């Protein structure tokens, strides 16, 4: 059976995961979710990977969200479980040790956008549309959308998008702060890889601790946040990489970080 996720490693340090169900708009079937979860765990356990890119095949759709055909035959209890499993894979992506980039190659609706919101940085193809469209189906975003979107763009705009169920263009997503960058569809993956290369050349321990400090600090008051930052900073001080960074600066050369 063909793989529902293509997985490759570029430059030794960048993992690229490509959702591969173009015939079903890359919708999240149970099979796709299981495969994605397995690969996320595998990458997270690999210290050589310093940045991960999540994208999808084709130019039409990044991910249309839950597989509604699969959902039709489910009981209410199974529907709740299915949404929870999308939520738990989104949380697993959010909690990956390294930075994660969503390269949104096409439409990202419902759970598809929730998947992208769990990533650290979103780069959208200029023709992509995205939205949390659940209220038009008489449900609400249940895989993190009501929590991650307001934290990203503020409650007012998040409410406007969620209550109206109206998708936005890549340009509007960029203006709102849903996407951090817009690229032409021909150049999308290349720009995501270039961003990943910029990230991957930095200290792996520092990247991990910076991500942790930002994510944990956002969930608390600034005094506690500053304490979290301090603890994360201390984790970088005793590393070999920090000394290598200083040495490389002194010798006017590029540092070679080992993640130690």
Protein backbone atom coordinates (compact mmCIF):
# COMPACT_ATOMS: atom_id res chain seq x y z
CA UNK A 1 0.00 0.00 0.00
CA UNK A 2 1.31 3.47 -0.91
CA UNK A 3 2.57 5.53 1.98
CA UNK A 4 0.23 8.30 3.14
CA UNK A 5 3.20 10.42 4.25
CA UNK A 6 6.42 10.85 2.27
CA UNK A 7 9.45 11.29 4.50
CA UNK A 8 12.89 12.51 3.51
CA UNK A 9 15.94 14.07 5.15
CA UNK A 10 17.72 16.99 3.47
CA UNK A 11 21.26 18.17 4.29
CA UNK A 12 21.41 15.63 7.13
CA UNK A 13 19.56 17.91 9.55
CA UNK A 14 16.19 18.79 7.96
CA UNK A 15 13.22 16.39 7.96
CA UNK A 16 10.52 16.93 5.32
CA UNK A 17 7.12 15.29 5.85
CA UNK A 18 4.71 15.44 2.90
CA UNK A 19 1.04 14.51 3.38
CA UNK A 20 0.25 12.29 0.40
CA UNK A 21 -3.49 11.75 -0.12
CA UNK A 22 -4.04 14.20 -3.01
CA UNK A 23 -7.08 12.25 -4.23
CA UNK A 24 -8.78 13.01 -0.87
CA UNK A 25 -7.44 16.60 -0.51
CA UNK A 26 -4.89 15.24 1.99
CA UNK A 27 -7.71 14.81 4.51
CA UNK A 28 -6.74 13.28 7.84
CA UNK A 29 -7.92 9.69 7.78
CA UNK A 30 -7.07 7.42 10.70
CA UNK A 31 -4.33 5.84 8.57
CA UNK A 32 -2.73 9.20 7.74
CA UNK A 33 -2.86 10.33 11.37
CA UNK A 34 -1.28 7.09 12.62
CA UNK A 35 1.52 7.37 10.06
CA UNK A 36 2.09 11.06 10.83
CA UNK A 37 2.22 10.40 14.57
CA UNK A 38 4.72 7.59 14.11
CA UNK A 39 7.03 9.78 12.00
CA UNK A 40 6.75 12.74 14.41
CA UNK A 41 7.87 10.47 17.28
CA UNK A 42 10.69 9.04 15.14
CA UNK A 43 11.98 12.51 14.15
CA UNK A 44 11.68 13.78 17.70
CA UNK A 45 13.93 10.97 18.89
CA UNK A 46 16.58 11.73 16.26
CA UNK A 47 19.11 14.25 17.60
CA UNK A 48 20.52 14.82 14.10
CA UNK A 49 17.30 16.56 12.99
CA UNK A 50 17.39 20.29 13.76
CA UNK A 51 14.32 21.48 11.85
CA UNK A 52 11.21 19.78 10.42
CA UNK A 53 9.05 20.89 7.47
CA UNK A 54 5.45 19.69 7.09
CA UNK A 55 3.90 20.13 3.64
CA UNK A 56 1.60 18.22 1.26
CA UNK A 57 1.57 16.86 -2.27
CA UNK A 58 -0.02 18.77 -5.13
CA UNK A 59 -0.81 22.48 -5.37
CA UNK A 60 -4.50 22.40 -4.55
CA UNK A 61 -4.65 21.39 -0.93
CA UNK A 62 -2.40 21.38 2.12
CA UNK A 63 -5.03 19.57 4.17
CA UNK A 64 -8.82 19.75 4.04
CA UNK A 65 -9.07 18.71 7.70
CA UNK A 66 -10.83 15.64 8.99
CA UNK A 67 -11.87 12.93 6.54
CA UNK A 68 -15.62 13.63 6.44
CA UNK A 69 -16.35 10.52 4.35
CA UNK A 70 -14.75 8.39 7.07
CA UNK A 71 -16.62 10.40 9.71
CA UNK A 72 -20.07 9.79 8.16
CA UNK A 73 -20.10 6.19 9.35
CA UNK A 74 -19.01 7.03 12.91
CA UNK A 75 -20.97 7.10 16.14
CA UNK A 76 -20.92 10.34 18.19
CA UNK A 77 -18.35 8.78 20.51
CA UNK A 78 -16.10 7.83 17.58
CA UNK A 79 -16.36 11.39 16.20
CA UNK A 80 -15.16 12.81 19.55
CA UNK A 81 -12.29 10.29 19.61
CA UNK A 82 -11.32 11.16 16.01
CA UNK A 83 -11.16 14.90 16.79
CA UNK A 84 -9.18 14.15 19.93
CA UNK A 85 -6.66 12.17 17.90
CA UNK A 86 -6.16 15.16 15.54
CA UNK A 87 -5.73 17.33 18.66
CA UNK A 88 -3.17 14.97 20.13
CA UNK A 89 -1.08 14.81 16.93
CA UNK A 90 -1.22 18.65 16.78
CA UNK A 91 0.06 18.76 20.38
CA UNK A 92 2.82 16.26 19.52
CA UNK A 93 3.92 18.49 16.62
CA UNK A 94 3.82 21.58 18.84
CA UNK A 95 5.96 19.77 21.43
CA UNK A 96 8.62 18.57 18.99
CA UNK A 97 12.06 19.54 20.32
CA UNK A 98 13.12 21.36 17.16
CA UNK A 99 11.47 24.21 15.22
CA UNK A 100 8.74 23.04 12.81
CA UNK A 101 7.77 24.88 9.61
CA UNK A 102 4.41 24.39 7.87
CA UNK A 103 4.80 24.91 4.10
CA UNK A 104 1.13 25.47 3.21
CA UNK A 105 0.98 24.52 -0.47
CA UNK A 106 -2.78 24.95 -0.91
CA UNK A 107 -6.09 25.11 0.96
CA UNK A 108 -5.84 24.52 4.73
CA UNK A 109 -9.26 24.17 6.34
CA UNK A 110 -10.45 23.05 9.76
CA UNK A 111 -8.11 20.41 11.17
CA UNK A 112 -5.69 21.17 8.33
CA UNK A 113 -5.19 24.72 9.57
CA UNK A 114 -5.11 23.44 13.17
CA UNK A 115 -2.19 21.22 12.13
CA UNK A 116 -0.38 24.25 10.69
CA UNK A 117 -1.15 26.34 13.81
CA UNK A 118 0.70 23.72 15.89
CA UNK A 119 3.87 24.42 13.86
CA UNK A 120 6.26 27.20 14.85
CA UNK A 121 6.39 29.05 11.51
CA UNK A 122 3.91 29.05 8.61
CA UNK A 123 4.92 29.82 5.02
CA UNK A 124 1.94 29.94 2.65
CA UNK A 125 1.84 29.59 -1.13
CA UNK A 126 0.35 32.79 -2.58
CA UNK A 127 -2.76 30.99 -3.90
CA UNK A 128 -3.49 29.15 -0.62
CA UNK A 129 -6.69 29.80 1.28
CA UNK A 130 -7.08 28.93 4.95
CA UNK A 131 -9.75 29.02 7.60
CA UNK A 132 -11.33 27.38 10.61
CA UNK A 133 -14.61 26.55 8.90
CA UNK A 134 -16.12 24.28 11.55
CA UNK A 135 -19.05 26.51 12.63
CA UNK A 136 -20.45 26.18 9.07
CA UNK A 137 -20.78 22.45 9.88
CA UNK A 138 -22.45 23.25 13.23
CA UNK A 139 -19.36 22.22 15.25
CA UNK A 140 -16.33 24.12 16.60
CA UNK A 141 -12.59 23.74 16.01
CA UNK A 142 -11.73 20.88 18.37
CA UNK A 143 -8.05 20.20 17.68
CA UNK A 144 -6.59 23.36 19.22
CA UNK A 145 -7.95 26.05 16.88
CA UNK A 146 -9.89 28.01 19.52
CA UNK A 147 -6.74 28.16 21.68
CA UNK A 148 -3.82 28.55 19.25
CA UNK A 149 -5.38 31.06 16.85
CA UNK A 150 -6.24 33.71 19.50
CA UNK A 151 -2.77 33.35 21.01
CA UNK A 152 -1.30 33.93 17.54
CA UNK A 153 -3.45 36.81 16.22
CA UNK A 154 -5.42 38.07 19.24
CA UNK A 155 -8.95 37.17 20.36
CA UNK A 156 -10.89 39.69 18.21
CA UNK A 157 -9.55 38.55 14.84
CA UNK A 158 -9.67 34.89 15.90
CA UNK A 159 -13.34 35.26 16.85
CA UNK A 160 -14.07 36.95 13.51
CA UNK A 161 -12.52 34.05 11.59
CA UNK A 162 -14.03 31.28 13.74
CA UNK A 163 -17.54 32.77 14.07
CA UNK A 164 -17.82 33.61 10.34
CA UNK A 165 -16.15 30.34 9.18
CA UNK A 166 -14.82 32.49 6.32
CA UNK A 167 -11.51 31.41 4.75
CA UNK A 168 -8.85 34.05 4.11
CA UNK A 169 -6.33 34.41 1.28
CA UNK A 170 -2.61 33.87 1.86
CA UNK A 171 -2.08 37.65 1.73
CA UNK A 172 -4.75 38.31 4.40
CA UNK A 173 -3.38 35.44 6.50
CA UNK A 174 0.02 37.15 6.30
CA UNK A 175 -1.44 40.57 7.24
CA UNK A 176 -3.25 39.00 10.23
CA UNK A 177 -0.18 37.05 11.38
CA UNK A 178 -1.66 33.60 10.67
CA UNK A 179 1.21 33.08 8.20
CA UNK A 180 4.68 34.48 8.75
CA UNK A 181 5.66 34.46 5.07
CA UNK A 182 4.09 34.14 1.61
CA UNK A 183 5.88 32.49 -1.32
CA UNK A 184 4.98 31.76 -4.94
CA UNK A 185 3.73 28.19 -5.28
CA UNK A 186 6.73 27.30 -7.49
CA UNK A 187 9.11 28.50 -4.82
CA UNK A 188 7.29 27.46 -1.64
CA UNK A 189 9.27 24.34 -0.73
CA UNK A 190 12.55 26.01 -1.66
CA UNK A 191 11.79 28.96 0.65
CA UNK A 192 10.81 26.56 3.45
CA UNK A 193 14.07 24.65 2.96
CA UNK A 194 16.08 27.89 2.95
CA UNK A 195 14.39 28.94 6.21
CA UNK A 196 15.11 25.47 7.66
CA UNK A 197 18.77 25.76 6.59
CA UNK A 198 19.06 29.14 8.33
CA UNK A 199 17.63 27.57 11.48
CA UNK A 200 19.61 24.31 11.30
CA UNK A 201 23.00 26.04 11.23
CA UNK A 202 22.37 27.45 14.72
CA UNK A 203 23.04 25.69 18.03
CA UNK A 204 20.61 22.74 18.41
CA UNK A 205 20.47 23.01 22.22
CA UNK A 206 19.84 26.77 21.91
CA UNK A 207 17.02 26.15 19.40
CA UNK A 208 15.38 23.64 21.74
CA UNK A 209 15.65 25.96 24.73
CA UNK A 210 14.45 29.04 22.78
CA UNK A 211 11.37 27.14 21.61
CA UNK A 212 10.69 25.91 25.14
CA UNK A 213 11.14 29.40 26.64
CA UNK A 214 8.75 31.00 24.12
CA UNK A 215 6.07 28.28 24.28
CA UNK A 216 6.05 27.91 28.06
CA UNK A 217 6.49 31.64 28.71
CA UNK A 218 3.46 32.53 26.55
CA UNK A 219 1.25 30.51 28.87
CA UNK A 220 2.10 32.47 31.99
CA UNK A 221 2.64 36.00 33.38
CA UNK A 222 5.83 37.87 32.42
CA UNK A 223 7.57 37.42 35.80
CA UNK A 224 7.19 33.63 35.59
CA UNK A 225 8.06 33.82 31.89
CA UNK A 226 11.34 35.58 32.67
CA UNK A 227 12.16 32.85 35.21
CA UNK A 228 11.48 30.22 32.52
CA UNK A 229 13.76 32.11 30.12
CA UNK A 230 16.50 32.22 32.77
CA UNK A 231 16.27 28.44 33.36
CA UNK A 232 16.36 27.77 29.61
CA UNK A 233 19.35 30.12 29.18
CA UNK A 234 21.25 28.26 31.93
CA UNK A 235 20.80 25.01 29.96
CA UNK A 236 22.89 26.48 27.11
CA UNK A 237 25.80 27.83 29.20
CA UNK A 238 27.54 24.53 29.98
CA UNK A 239 27.39 23.21 26.38
CA UNK A 240 30.35 22.52 24.13
CA UNK A 241 28.42 24.34 21.39
CA UNK A 242 28.54 27.63 23.31
CA UNK A 243 32.34 27.43 23.52
CA UNK A 244 32.52 26.46 19.83
CA UNK A 245 30.39 29.55 18.97
CA UNK A 246 32.79 31.84 20.84
CA UNK A 247 35.85 30.16 19.29
CA UNK A 248 34.39 30.39 15.76
CA UNK A 249 33.61 34.09 16.29
CA UNK A 250 37.17 34.69 17.44
CA UNK A 251 38.59 32.78 14.47
CA UNK A 252 36.17 34.45 12.00
CA UNK A 253 34.82 31.11 10.76
CA UNK A 254 31.45 29.36 10.70
CA UNK A 255 30.75 27.37 13.89
CA UNK A 256 30.31 23.60 13.67
CA UNK A 257 27.68 22.71 16.24
CA UNK A 258 27.26 19.15 17.54
CA UNK A 259 24.23 19.61 19.78
CA UNK A 260 26.35 18.94 22.87
